[in-house]
N, C-alpha and C. Protein backbone atom coordinates (compact mmCIF):
# COMPACT_ATOMS: atom_id res chain seq x y z
N MET A 1 189.92 -3.40 -61.28
CA MET A 1 189.02 -2.22 -61.47
C MET A 1 188.39 -1.84 -60.06
N ILE A 2 188.63 -0.54 -59.70
CA ILE A 2 188.14 -0.06 -58.48
C ILE A 2 187.30 1.11 -58.73
N PHE A 3 186.01 1.02 -58.36
CA PHE A 3 185.09 2.16 -58.58
C PHE A 3 185.20 3.17 -57.49
N SER A 4 184.93 4.39 -57.82
CA SER A 4 184.99 5.56 -56.92
C SER A 4 183.82 5.49 -55.91
N THR A 5 184.13 5.97 -54.71
CA THR A 5 183.12 5.98 -53.74
C THR A 5 182.53 7.30 -53.46
N ASN A 6 182.85 8.23 -54.45
CA ASN A 6 182.27 9.58 -54.37
C ASN A 6 180.95 9.60 -55.07
N PRO A 7 179.76 9.94 -54.46
CA PRO A 7 178.56 9.90 -55.06
C PRO A 7 178.45 10.90 -56.26
N TRP A 8 179.17 12.12 -56.20
CA TRP A 8 179.21 13.05 -57.23
C TRP A 8 179.79 12.53 -58.45
N VAL A 9 180.91 11.75 -58.25
CA VAL A 9 181.61 11.14 -59.42
C VAL A 9 180.68 10.15 -60.12
N TRP A 10 179.89 9.40 -59.34
CA TRP A 10 178.95 8.45 -59.85
C TRP A 10 177.82 9.19 -60.76
N ILE A 11 177.35 10.29 -60.07
CA ILE A 11 176.34 10.99 -60.88
C ILE A 11 176.91 11.56 -62.15
N ALA A 12 177.98 12.11 -62.15
CA ALA A 12 178.67 12.66 -63.31
C ALA A 12 178.93 11.59 -64.34
N ALA A 13 179.42 10.40 -63.95
CA ALA A 13 179.75 9.23 -64.77
C ALA A 13 178.41 8.78 -65.42
N ILE A 14 177.34 8.66 -64.68
CA ILE A 14 176.07 8.14 -65.20
C ILE A 14 175.52 9.13 -66.24
N LEU A 15 175.55 10.38 -65.97
CA LEU A 15 175.06 11.32 -66.93
C LEU A 15 175.92 11.32 -68.14
N THR A 16 177.21 11.16 -68.02
CA THR A 16 178.10 11.04 -69.23
C THR A 16 177.75 9.82 -70.10
N LEU A 17 177.47 8.64 -69.37
CA LEU A 17 177.06 7.53 -70.24
C LEU A 17 175.69 7.71 -70.84
N CYS A 18 174.84 8.43 -70.14
CA CYS A 18 173.56 8.68 -70.76
C CYS A 18 173.69 9.58 -71.97
N ILE A 19 174.62 10.50 -71.96
CA ILE A 19 174.81 11.27 -73.26
C ILE A 19 175.45 10.49 -74.28
N PHE A 20 176.44 9.63 -73.91
CA PHE A 20 177.06 8.73 -74.88
C PHE A 20 176.10 7.73 -75.49
N SER A 21 175.04 7.46 -74.80
CA SER A 21 174.11 6.46 -75.31
C SER A 21 173.49 6.87 -76.63
N PHE A 22 173.54 8.23 -76.92
CA PHE A 22 172.99 8.68 -78.18
C PHE A 22 173.77 8.18 -79.40
N LEU A 23 175.07 7.75 -79.08
CA LEU A 23 175.73 7.17 -80.17
C LEU A 23 175.13 5.92 -80.85
N TYR A 24 174.36 5.22 -79.94
CA TYR A 24 173.59 4.05 -80.42
C TYR A 24 172.31 4.47 -81.11
N LYS A 25 171.45 5.16 -80.40
CA LYS A 25 170.27 5.82 -80.97
C LYS A 25 169.68 6.70 -79.84
N GLU A 26 168.71 7.53 -80.19
CA GLU A 26 168.04 8.42 -79.32
C GLU A 26 167.20 7.60 -78.32
N ASN A 27 167.29 7.72 -77.09
CA ASN A 27 166.57 7.01 -76.04
C ASN A 27 166.27 7.86 -74.92
N ALA A 28 165.42 7.28 -73.94
CA ALA A 28 165.05 8.01 -72.79
C ALA A 28 166.13 8.50 -71.84
N PHE A 29 167.21 7.66 -71.66
CA PHE A 29 168.27 8.15 -70.93
C PHE A 29 169.07 9.41 -71.44
N TYR A 30 169.15 9.46 -72.79
CA TYR A 30 169.77 10.69 -73.32
C TYR A 30 168.88 11.84 -73.21
N ARG A 31 167.54 11.69 -73.41
CA ARG A 31 166.54 12.77 -73.29
C ARG A 31 166.62 13.32 -71.87
N PHE A 32 166.69 12.36 -70.88
CA PHE A 32 166.66 12.86 -69.50
C PHE A 32 167.92 13.69 -69.24
N ALA A 33 169.20 13.16 -69.67
CA ALA A 33 170.30 13.98 -69.43
C ALA A 33 170.25 15.30 -70.16
N GLU A 34 169.75 15.30 -71.38
CA GLU A 34 169.64 16.49 -72.15
C GLU A 34 168.75 17.54 -71.52
N HIS A 35 167.62 17.09 -71.05
CA HIS A 35 166.64 17.99 -70.44
C HIS A 35 167.15 18.55 -69.09
N LEU A 36 167.92 17.62 -68.41
CA LEU A 36 168.46 18.01 -67.18
C LEU A 36 169.58 19.11 -67.31
N PHE A 37 170.41 18.95 -68.34
CA PHE A 37 171.39 19.93 -68.74
C PHE A 37 170.77 21.33 -69.15
N VAL A 38 169.77 21.20 -69.96
CA VAL A 38 169.18 22.44 -70.35
C VAL A 38 168.38 23.18 -69.27
N GLY A 39 167.89 22.36 -68.34
CA GLY A 39 167.16 23.00 -67.22
C GLY A 39 168.13 23.61 -66.28
N VAL A 40 169.18 22.93 -65.89
CA VAL A 40 170.23 23.43 -65.00
C VAL A 40 170.89 24.67 -65.53
N SER A 41 171.19 24.61 -66.91
CA SER A 41 171.84 25.75 -67.52
C SER A 41 170.93 27.01 -67.54
N ALA A 42 169.62 26.76 -67.83
CA ALA A 42 168.64 27.98 -67.78
C ALA A 42 168.59 28.45 -66.35
N GLY A 43 168.48 27.57 -65.38
CA GLY A 43 168.37 28.10 -63.97
C GLY A 43 169.63 28.84 -63.58
N TYR A 44 170.78 28.28 -63.94
CA TYR A 44 172.08 28.97 -63.54
C TYR A 44 172.13 30.26 -64.30
N GLY A 45 171.76 30.38 -65.48
CA GLY A 45 171.75 31.60 -66.29
C GLY A 45 170.93 32.60 -65.71
N VAL A 46 169.69 32.27 -65.25
CA VAL A 46 168.82 33.14 -64.62
C VAL A 46 169.30 33.76 -63.41
N ALA A 47 169.99 32.86 -62.53
CA ALA A 47 170.62 33.27 -61.34
C ALA A 47 171.82 34.24 -61.57
N ILE A 48 172.59 33.91 -62.50
CA ILE A 48 173.73 34.84 -62.81
C ILE A 48 173.20 36.12 -63.34
N TYR A 49 172.24 36.17 -64.28
CA TYR A 49 171.66 37.34 -64.76
C TYR A 49 171.06 38.22 -63.71
N TRP A 50 170.34 37.61 -62.81
CA TRP A 50 169.69 38.32 -61.68
C TRP A 50 170.76 39.00 -60.76
N ASN A 51 171.75 38.34 -60.39
CA ASN A 51 172.72 38.82 -59.44
C ASN A 51 173.79 39.72 -60.19
N ASN A 52 174.07 39.53 -61.46
CA ASN A 52 175.04 40.44 -62.05
C ASN A 52 174.49 41.56 -62.98
N ALA A 53 173.16 41.52 -63.22
CA ALA A 53 172.47 42.53 -64.07
C ALA A 53 171.37 43.31 -63.42
N ILE A 54 170.41 42.45 -62.93
CA ILE A 54 169.17 43.06 -62.43
C ILE A 54 169.44 43.76 -61.09
N VAL A 55 170.12 43.11 -60.14
CA VAL A 55 170.37 43.69 -58.83
C VAL A 55 171.22 44.90 -58.92
N PRO A 56 172.38 44.86 -59.39
CA PRO A 56 173.29 46.03 -59.47
C PRO A 56 172.85 47.17 -60.40
N ASN A 57 172.12 46.84 -61.52
CA ASN A 57 171.76 47.90 -62.55
C ASN A 57 170.27 48.37 -62.34
N LEU A 58 169.50 47.63 -61.58
CA LEU A 58 168.09 48.16 -61.49
C LEU A 58 167.71 48.21 -59.97
N TYR A 59 167.79 47.13 -59.24
CA TYR A 59 167.27 47.05 -57.87
C TYR A 59 168.07 48.04 -56.92
N VAL A 60 169.42 48.02 -56.94
CA VAL A 60 170.23 48.88 -56.15
C VAL A 60 170.04 50.31 -56.45
N PRO A 61 170.15 50.71 -57.74
CA PRO A 61 169.96 52.15 -58.09
C PRO A 61 168.55 52.70 -57.66
N VAL A 62 167.47 51.91 -57.83
CA VAL A 62 166.22 52.42 -57.66
C VAL A 62 165.80 52.33 -56.08
N PHE A 63 166.00 51.24 -55.50
CA PHE A 63 165.52 51.02 -54.08
C PHE A 63 166.56 51.49 -53.05
N HIS A 64 167.83 51.47 -53.37
CA HIS A 64 168.90 51.91 -52.39
C HIS A 64 169.37 53.28 -52.65
N GLN A 65 169.67 53.59 -53.92
CA GLN A 65 170.14 54.97 -54.30
C GLN A 65 169.05 55.88 -54.72
N HIS A 66 167.93 55.46 -54.74
CA HIS A 66 166.72 56.32 -55.12
C HIS A 66 166.95 57.08 -56.43
N ASN A 67 167.60 56.48 -57.47
CA ASN A 67 167.69 57.00 -58.71
C ASN A 67 166.68 56.35 -59.58
N TYR A 68 165.61 57.08 -59.71
CA TYR A 68 164.36 56.52 -60.31
C TYR A 68 164.41 56.63 -61.77
N TRP A 69 165.47 57.22 -62.36
CA TRP A 69 165.58 57.21 -63.83
C TRP A 69 165.83 55.75 -64.39
N PHE A 70 166.40 54.96 -63.55
CA PHE A 70 166.59 53.54 -63.93
C PHE A 70 165.36 52.74 -64.15
N ILE A 71 164.18 53.26 -63.76
CA ILE A 71 162.99 52.58 -63.89
C ILE A 71 162.59 52.52 -65.42
N ILE A 72 163.04 53.55 -66.24
CA ILE A 72 162.73 53.66 -67.60
C ILE A 72 163.40 52.46 -68.41
N PRO A 73 164.71 52.33 -68.26
CA PRO A 73 165.28 51.07 -69.00
C PRO A 73 164.76 49.73 -68.44
N GLY A 74 164.36 49.78 -67.15
CA GLY A 74 163.81 48.51 -66.58
C GLY A 74 162.43 48.22 -67.17
N LEU A 75 161.63 49.25 -67.47
CA LEU A 75 160.33 48.97 -68.10
C LEU A 75 160.54 48.65 -69.56
N ILE A 76 161.49 49.25 -70.16
CA ILE A 76 161.76 48.80 -71.62
C ILE A 76 162.20 47.40 -71.66
N GLY A 77 163.09 46.94 -70.71
CA GLY A 77 163.47 45.53 -70.68
C GLY A 77 162.44 44.62 -70.39
N MET A 78 161.43 45.03 -69.55
CA MET A 78 160.30 44.17 -69.24
C MET A 78 159.32 43.95 -70.40
N MET A 79 159.53 44.85 -71.45
CA MET A 79 158.59 44.75 -72.68
C MET A 79 158.97 43.56 -73.45
N PHE A 80 160.08 42.95 -73.24
CA PHE A 80 160.34 41.66 -73.92
C PHE A 80 159.39 40.58 -73.54
N PHE A 81 158.70 40.61 -72.43
CA PHE A 81 157.69 39.67 -72.09
C PHE A 81 156.40 39.78 -72.82
N PHE A 82 156.24 40.81 -73.55
CA PHE A 82 155.10 40.90 -74.50
C PHE A 82 155.13 39.76 -75.56
N ARG A 83 156.30 39.29 -75.73
CA ARG A 83 156.49 38.16 -76.78
C ARG A 83 155.46 37.03 -76.43
N PHE A 84 155.16 36.85 -75.26
CA PHE A 84 154.24 35.69 -74.88
C PHE A 84 152.78 35.94 -75.09
N SER A 85 152.43 37.27 -75.62
CA SER A 85 151.10 37.63 -75.81
C SER A 85 150.86 37.70 -77.40
N ALA A 86 149.79 37.11 -77.87
CA ALA A 86 149.46 37.17 -79.27
C ALA A 86 149.02 38.55 -79.61
N LYS A 87 148.31 39.30 -78.78
CA LYS A 87 147.75 40.66 -79.12
C LYS A 87 148.83 41.74 -79.04
N THR A 88 149.64 41.63 -78.01
CA THR A 88 150.61 42.69 -77.79
C THR A 88 152.10 42.33 -78.13
N GLY A 89 152.13 41.19 -78.96
CA GLY A 89 153.50 40.78 -79.20
C GLY A 89 154.31 41.80 -80.06
N TRP A 90 153.63 42.67 -80.79
CA TRP A 90 154.34 43.50 -81.57
C TRP A 90 155.13 44.56 -80.74
N LEU A 91 154.89 44.82 -79.54
CA LEU A 91 155.51 45.72 -78.65
C LEU A 91 156.98 45.27 -78.34
N ILE A 92 157.37 44.05 -78.62
CA ILE A 92 158.65 43.55 -78.40
C ILE A 92 159.54 44.31 -79.36
N LEU A 93 159.00 44.87 -80.46
CA LEU A 93 159.89 45.61 -81.36
C LEU A 93 160.64 46.85 -80.84
N ILE A 94 159.88 47.37 -79.74
CA ILE A 94 160.41 48.62 -79.15
C ILE A 94 161.80 48.29 -78.43
N PRO A 95 161.84 47.30 -77.40
CA PRO A 95 163.07 46.99 -76.72
C PRO A 95 164.11 46.40 -77.74
N LEU A 96 163.72 45.69 -78.79
CA LEU A 96 164.70 45.16 -79.72
C LEU A 96 165.31 46.34 -80.54
N ALA A 97 164.55 47.38 -80.83
CA ALA A 97 165.08 48.54 -81.60
C ALA A 97 166.07 49.26 -80.69
N VAL A 98 165.67 49.51 -79.40
CA VAL A 98 166.61 50.22 -78.48
C VAL A 98 167.91 49.39 -78.21
N LEU A 99 167.73 48.02 -78.16
CA LEU A 99 168.86 47.11 -77.90
C LEU A 99 169.87 47.17 -79.08
N LEU A 100 169.27 47.04 -80.26
CA LEU A 100 170.14 47.05 -81.49
C LEU A 100 170.71 48.41 -81.70
N GLY A 101 169.94 49.42 -81.48
CA GLY A 101 170.56 50.72 -81.77
C GLY A 101 171.66 51.12 -80.83
N THR A 102 171.38 50.99 -79.50
CA THR A 102 172.41 51.32 -78.60
C THR A 102 173.61 50.39 -78.59
N GLY A 103 173.29 49.05 -78.84
CA GLY A 103 174.36 48.11 -79.04
C GLY A 103 175.30 48.43 -80.20
N SER A 104 174.72 48.74 -81.34
CA SER A 104 175.48 49.07 -82.48
C SER A 104 176.39 50.30 -82.22
N GLY A 105 175.68 51.30 -81.64
CA GLY A 105 176.49 52.57 -81.35
C GLY A 105 177.61 52.34 -80.29
N VAL A 106 177.34 51.61 -79.30
CA VAL A 106 178.29 51.38 -78.24
C VAL A 106 179.52 50.50 -78.68
N TYR A 107 179.22 49.39 -79.45
CA TYR A 107 180.12 48.41 -79.72
C TYR A 107 180.78 48.62 -81.12
N LEU A 108 180.39 49.66 -81.90
CA LEU A 108 180.97 49.81 -83.29
C LEU A 108 182.39 50.27 -83.16
N ALA A 109 182.68 51.23 -82.40
CA ALA A 109 183.97 51.72 -82.33
C ALA A 109 184.95 50.68 -81.64
N PRO A 110 184.71 50.01 -80.57
CA PRO A 110 185.58 49.06 -79.96
C PRO A 110 185.74 47.82 -80.94
N THR A 111 184.71 47.39 -81.65
CA THR A 111 184.83 46.34 -82.64
C THR A 111 185.73 46.73 -83.72
N PHE A 112 185.60 47.91 -84.26
CA PHE A 112 186.44 48.38 -85.36
C PHE A 112 187.89 48.50 -84.86
N GLN A 113 188.03 48.94 -83.66
CA GLN A 113 189.37 49.05 -83.10
C GLN A 113 190.05 47.68 -82.86
N ALA A 114 189.28 46.70 -82.45
CA ALA A 114 189.97 45.34 -82.13
C ALA A 114 189.98 44.53 -83.37
N ASP A 115 188.95 44.55 -84.24
CA ASP A 115 188.96 43.61 -85.40
C ASP A 115 189.57 44.04 -86.66
N VAL A 116 189.69 45.44 -86.81
CA VAL A 116 190.19 46.03 -87.94
C VAL A 116 191.51 46.70 -87.73
N LEU A 117 191.59 47.65 -86.92
CA LEU A 117 192.91 48.44 -86.72
C LEU A 117 193.98 47.56 -86.11
N LYS A 118 193.62 46.77 -85.06
CA LYS A 118 194.61 45.96 -84.41
C LYS A 118 195.18 44.90 -85.47
N GLN A 119 194.29 44.33 -86.25
CA GLN A 119 194.74 43.26 -87.21
C GLN A 119 195.66 43.99 -88.23
N MET A 120 195.34 45.17 -88.69
CA MET A 120 196.15 45.86 -89.67
C MET A 120 197.48 46.22 -89.11
N GLN A 121 197.53 46.67 -87.80
CA GLN A 121 198.72 46.99 -87.22
C GLN A 121 199.61 45.86 -87.01
N SER A 122 199.04 44.64 -86.65
CA SER A 122 199.78 43.46 -86.53
C SER A 122 200.36 42.92 -87.84
N ALA A 123 199.52 43.01 -88.96
CA ALA A 123 199.98 42.60 -90.20
C ALA A 123 201.16 43.53 -90.67
N ILE A 124 201.01 44.78 -90.56
CA ILE A 124 202.11 45.83 -90.91
C ILE A 124 203.39 45.59 -90.05
N ALA A 125 203.16 45.33 -88.78
CA ALA A 125 204.31 44.98 -87.89
C ALA A 125 205.01 43.78 -88.32
N ASP A 126 204.35 42.70 -88.70
CA ASP A 126 204.93 41.42 -89.14
C ASP A 126 205.65 41.65 -90.55
N ALA A 127 205.02 42.43 -91.41
CA ALA A 127 205.50 42.61 -92.81
C ALA A 127 206.78 43.46 -92.84
N THR A 128 206.95 44.32 -91.78
CA THR A 128 208.21 45.14 -91.70
C THR A 128 209.20 44.65 -90.71
N ASN A 129 209.00 43.53 -90.12
CA ASN A 129 209.88 42.84 -89.11
C ASN A 129 211.04 42.17 -89.94
N LEU A 130 212.21 42.73 -89.86
CA LEU A 130 213.31 42.15 -90.64
C LEU A 130 213.90 40.85 -90.05
N GLU A 131 213.56 40.69 -88.75
CA GLU A 131 214.00 39.45 -88.02
C GLU A 131 213.33 38.17 -88.60
N LEU A 132 212.22 38.33 -89.29
CA LEU A 132 211.46 37.18 -89.73
C LEU A 132 212.07 36.75 -91.13
N GLY A 133 212.99 37.39 -91.61
CA GLY A 133 213.66 36.96 -92.81
C GLY A 133 212.85 37.11 -94.20
N GLY A 134 211.98 38.02 -94.13
CA GLY A 134 211.13 38.22 -95.43
C GLY A 134 209.86 37.50 -95.29
N TRP A 135 209.63 36.45 -94.45
CA TRP A 135 208.44 35.73 -94.37
C TRP A 135 207.25 36.57 -93.88
N GLY A 136 207.58 37.53 -93.08
CA GLY A 136 206.55 38.48 -92.54
C GLY A 136 205.96 39.26 -93.66
N LEU A 137 206.80 39.66 -94.56
CA LEU A 137 206.27 40.49 -95.68
C LEU A 137 205.42 39.56 -96.57
N VAL A 138 205.84 38.27 -96.84
CA VAL A 138 205.14 37.39 -97.68
C VAL A 138 203.79 37.20 -97.07
N TRP A 139 203.66 36.76 -95.81
CA TRP A 139 202.39 36.50 -95.20
C TRP A 139 201.51 37.73 -94.96
N GLY A 140 202.18 38.88 -94.87
CA GLY A 140 201.49 40.17 -94.85
C GLY A 140 200.77 40.45 -96.18
N LEU A 141 201.53 40.17 -97.19
CA LEU A 141 200.91 40.39 -98.69
C LEU A 141 199.75 39.35 -98.86
N VAL A 142 199.97 38.13 -98.36
CA VAL A 142 198.91 37.08 -98.49
C VAL A 142 197.63 37.59 -97.78
N ALA A 143 197.81 38.05 -96.51
CA ALA A 143 196.70 38.51 -95.79
C ALA A 143 196.03 39.70 -96.44
N PHE A 144 196.85 40.55 -96.99
CA PHE A 144 196.30 41.77 -97.65
C PHE A 144 195.46 41.34 -98.93
N VAL A 145 196.08 40.54 -99.73
CA VAL A 145 195.26 40.01 -100.89
C VAL A 145 194.02 39.27 -100.46
N GLY A 146 194.17 38.50 -99.38
CA GLY A 146 193.05 37.67 -98.88
C GLY A 146 191.80 38.60 -98.54
N VAL A 147 192.17 39.68 -97.72
CA VAL A 147 191.20 40.67 -97.31
C VAL A 147 190.48 41.46 -98.44
N LEU A 148 191.27 41.82 -99.46
CA LEU A 148 190.72 42.61 -100.54
C LEU A 148 189.90 41.60 -101.47
N THR A 149 190.39 40.46 -101.74
CA THR A 149 189.54 39.50 -102.62
C THR A 149 188.34 39.00 -101.90
N THR A 150 188.38 38.77 -100.65
CA THR A 150 187.26 38.32 -99.94
C THR A 150 186.18 39.40 -99.82
N LEU A 151 186.64 40.65 -99.66
CA LEU A 151 185.63 41.75 -99.73
C LEU A 151 185.06 41.93 -101.07
N SER A 152 185.79 41.72 -102.12
CA SER A 152 185.38 41.86 -103.53
C SER A 152 184.26 40.80 -103.75
N TYR A 153 184.41 39.64 -103.13
CA TYR A 153 183.39 38.57 -103.30
C TYR A 153 181.99 39.07 -102.83
N PHE A 154 181.93 39.89 -101.81
CA PHE A 154 180.72 40.29 -101.22
C PHE A 154 180.26 41.79 -101.72
N PHE A 155 181.00 42.14 -102.83
CA PHE A 155 180.58 43.33 -103.41
C PHE A 155 179.52 43.13 -104.52
N PHE A 156 178.23 43.44 -104.19
CA PHE A 156 177.18 43.08 -105.09
C PHE A 156 176.62 44.27 -105.81
N SER A 157 177.25 45.37 -105.75
CA SER A 157 176.74 46.52 -106.53
C SER A 157 177.08 46.53 -107.94
N ARG A 158 177.92 45.68 -108.39
CA ARG A 158 178.31 45.53 -109.76
C ARG A 158 178.30 44.00 -110.09
N GLU A 159 177.98 43.72 -111.42
CA GLU A 159 178.12 42.48 -111.86
C GLU A 159 179.50 41.89 -111.85
N GLN A 160 179.57 40.63 -111.38
CA GLN A 160 181.00 40.18 -111.19
C GLN A 160 181.50 39.62 -112.50
N LYS A 161 182.19 40.49 -113.19
CA LYS A 161 182.86 40.03 -114.43
C LYS A 161 184.12 40.78 -114.57
N GLY A 162 185.08 40.23 -115.45
CA GLY A 162 186.33 40.89 -115.68
C GLY A 162 187.16 40.66 -114.39
N ALA A 163 187.90 41.85 -114.08
CA ALA A 163 188.81 41.83 -112.92
C ALA A 163 188.04 41.51 -111.64
N LEU A 164 186.82 41.97 -111.50
CA LEU A 164 186.03 41.75 -110.23
C LEU A 164 185.82 40.23 -110.06
N LYS A 165 185.47 39.59 -111.20
CA LYS A 165 185.14 38.23 -111.15
C LYS A 165 186.40 37.34 -110.75
N ILE A 166 187.54 37.73 -111.35
CA ILE A 166 188.85 37.02 -110.93
C ILE A 166 189.09 37.26 -109.49
N SER A 167 188.94 38.49 -108.96
CA SER A 167 189.15 38.85 -107.55
C SER A 167 188.22 38.05 -106.66
N ALA A 168 186.95 37.98 -107.16
CA ALA A 168 185.93 37.29 -106.40
C ALA A 168 186.22 35.80 -106.25
N ASN A 169 186.72 35.11 -107.32
CA ASN A 169 187.08 33.76 -107.36
C ASN A 169 188.19 33.46 -106.52
N ILE A 170 189.14 34.36 -106.47
CA ILE A 170 190.27 34.21 -105.47
C ILE A 170 189.80 34.33 -104.07
N GLY A 171 188.86 35.21 -103.81
CA GLY A 171 188.21 35.40 -102.55
C GLY A 171 187.51 34.17 -102.01
N ILE A 172 186.90 33.42 -102.96
CA ILE A 172 186.21 32.19 -102.56
C ILE A 172 187.23 31.22 -102.00
N TRP A 173 188.39 31.11 -102.56
CA TRP A 173 189.46 30.23 -102.05
C TRP A 173 189.85 30.65 -100.63
N PHE A 174 189.95 31.84 -100.39
CA PHE A 174 190.41 32.27 -99.04
C PHE A 174 189.17 32.07 -98.04
N ILE A 175 187.99 32.18 -98.56
CA ILE A 175 186.81 32.00 -97.67
C ILE A 175 186.76 30.53 -97.30
N MET A 176 186.95 29.63 -98.29
CA MET A 176 186.87 28.26 -98.03
C MET A 176 188.02 27.79 -97.12
N ILE A 177 189.20 28.29 -97.27
CA ILE A 177 190.31 27.97 -96.30
C ILE A 177 190.00 28.41 -94.89
N GLY A 178 189.40 29.72 -94.86
CA GLY A 178 189.00 30.10 -93.50
C GLY A 178 187.91 29.20 -92.87
N PHE A 179 186.86 28.90 -93.65
CA PHE A 179 185.95 28.11 -93.12
C PHE A 179 186.40 26.65 -92.68
N GLY A 180 187.36 26.13 -93.66
CA GLY A 180 187.93 24.82 -93.31
C GLY A 180 188.76 24.78 -91.99
N ALA A 181 189.54 25.84 -91.87
CA ALA A 181 190.29 25.96 -90.62
C ALA A 181 189.46 26.16 -89.44
N SER A 182 188.34 26.95 -89.53
CA SER A 182 187.32 27.11 -88.42
C SER A 182 186.69 25.81 -88.09
N PHE A 183 186.28 25.07 -89.18
CA PHE A 183 185.69 23.74 -88.90
C PHE A 183 186.59 22.74 -88.21
N GLY A 184 187.83 22.71 -88.69
CA GLY A 184 188.88 21.79 -88.10
C GLY A 184 189.07 22.15 -86.75
N ASN A 185 189.17 23.48 -86.40
CA ASN A 185 189.35 23.87 -84.97
C ASN A 185 188.14 23.49 -84.12
N THR A 186 186.95 23.54 -84.64
CA THR A 186 185.79 23.11 -83.96
C THR A 186 185.78 21.60 -83.65
N VAL A 187 186.16 20.91 -84.71
CA VAL A 187 186.25 19.41 -84.50
C VAL A 187 187.28 19.11 -83.49
N MET A 188 188.43 19.66 -83.51
CA MET A 188 189.45 19.36 -82.59
C MET A 188 189.02 19.69 -81.13
N ALA A 189 188.29 20.80 -81.02
CA ALA A 189 187.75 21.19 -79.65
C ALA A 189 186.74 20.11 -79.13
N ARG A 190 185.96 19.57 -79.98
CA ARG A 190 184.92 18.57 -79.67
C ARG A 190 185.66 17.23 -79.30
N VAL A 191 186.75 16.87 -80.15
CA VAL A 191 187.50 15.81 -79.77
C VAL A 191 188.26 15.90 -78.42
N SER A 192 188.60 17.09 -78.16
CA SER A 192 189.29 17.30 -76.84
C SER A 192 188.29 17.07 -75.70
N LEU A 193 187.05 17.59 -75.90
CA LEU A 193 186.07 17.35 -74.84
C LEU A 193 185.70 15.79 -74.64
N LEU A 194 185.76 15.12 -75.77
CA LEU A 194 185.51 13.62 -75.69
C LEU A 194 186.59 13.08 -75.00
N ILE A 195 187.89 13.40 -75.23
CA ILE A 195 189.04 12.79 -74.56
C ILE A 195 189.00 13.06 -73.02
N GLY A 196 188.53 14.33 -72.73
CA GLY A 196 188.33 14.71 -71.31
C GLY A 196 187.47 13.82 -70.60
N ARG A 197 186.20 13.57 -71.22
CA ARG A 197 185.19 12.78 -70.52
C ARG A 197 185.61 11.37 -70.47
N VAL A 198 186.39 10.77 -71.45
CA VAL A 198 186.81 9.32 -71.39
C VAL A 198 187.79 9.27 -70.33
N GLN A 199 188.69 10.27 -70.22
CA GLN A 199 189.68 10.23 -69.14
C GLN A 199 189.11 10.33 -67.78
N PHE A 200 187.96 11.12 -67.64
CA PHE A 200 187.32 11.20 -66.45
C PHE A 200 186.68 9.73 -65.99
N LEU A 201 186.01 9.11 -67.01
CA LEU A 201 185.62 7.77 -66.66
C LEU A 201 186.54 6.80 -66.31
N LEU A 202 187.74 6.89 -66.93
CA LEU A 202 188.71 5.87 -66.70
C LEU A 202 189.66 6.17 -65.54
N THR A 203 189.64 7.42 -65.09
CA THR A 203 190.59 7.81 -63.88
C THR A 203 189.82 7.95 -62.69
N ASP A 204 188.88 8.88 -62.72
CA ASP A 204 188.01 9.32 -61.53
C ASP A 204 186.96 8.27 -61.09
N TRP A 205 186.43 7.57 -62.10
CA TRP A 205 185.27 6.71 -61.90
C TRP A 205 185.79 5.31 -61.58
N ILE A 206 186.54 4.59 -62.58
CA ILE A 206 186.81 3.24 -62.40
C ILE A 206 188.32 3.04 -62.08
N HIS A 207 189.00 4.10 -62.10
CA HIS A 207 190.47 4.09 -61.67
C HIS A 207 191.28 3.03 -62.42
N ILE A 208 190.98 2.96 -63.77
CA ILE A 208 191.89 2.13 -64.60
C ILE A 208 193.18 2.77 -64.97
N ILE A 209 193.16 4.11 -65.22
CA ILE A 209 194.29 4.95 -65.45
C ILE A 209 194.52 5.75 -64.24
N LYS A 210 195.83 5.66 -63.82
CA LYS A 210 196.23 6.35 -62.66
C LYS A 210 196.94 7.78 -63.08
């Protein structure tokens, strides 16, 4: 067993072990690593936001290009800080309304294009692809039925009875399959992260695995 001589590797290994200590119980080492991670992430996020959003979209246009119209969205953005005041906290509703309104308008068309039209085009292309030997048509029909029955489950304007109830019950199965696949993918991603940290400890830190 040969330990690494790199101090940064030692820091990373110690912090990793502090996080793993939560598997036993919550303790001071875990809380230290947790708070350090949250603090570093917040500081890094502020720096990235300042350099990628504030400077190019507010500071440069106003102070270098003398385009003073940018002061208006800057003031609207600063109204988010009213959240910290009990008396004027309601003013945060103004930037929230602007953000939600403009965001919905700007991203509605691209979202519909990417999440609806492209998915439909892909399903139709697979269903009509003769090289797939008919399986493209089968899975295309399955996807079509899954979309319709899932949407029918969330149709609350009528009482779910008769054909609508049957369709909604089928939609529940598709929803559960989708949630199960999503959960399984999340678990596998977390297991992959665990394997990566264990490999780091055994290779970069104590050099058991070459």
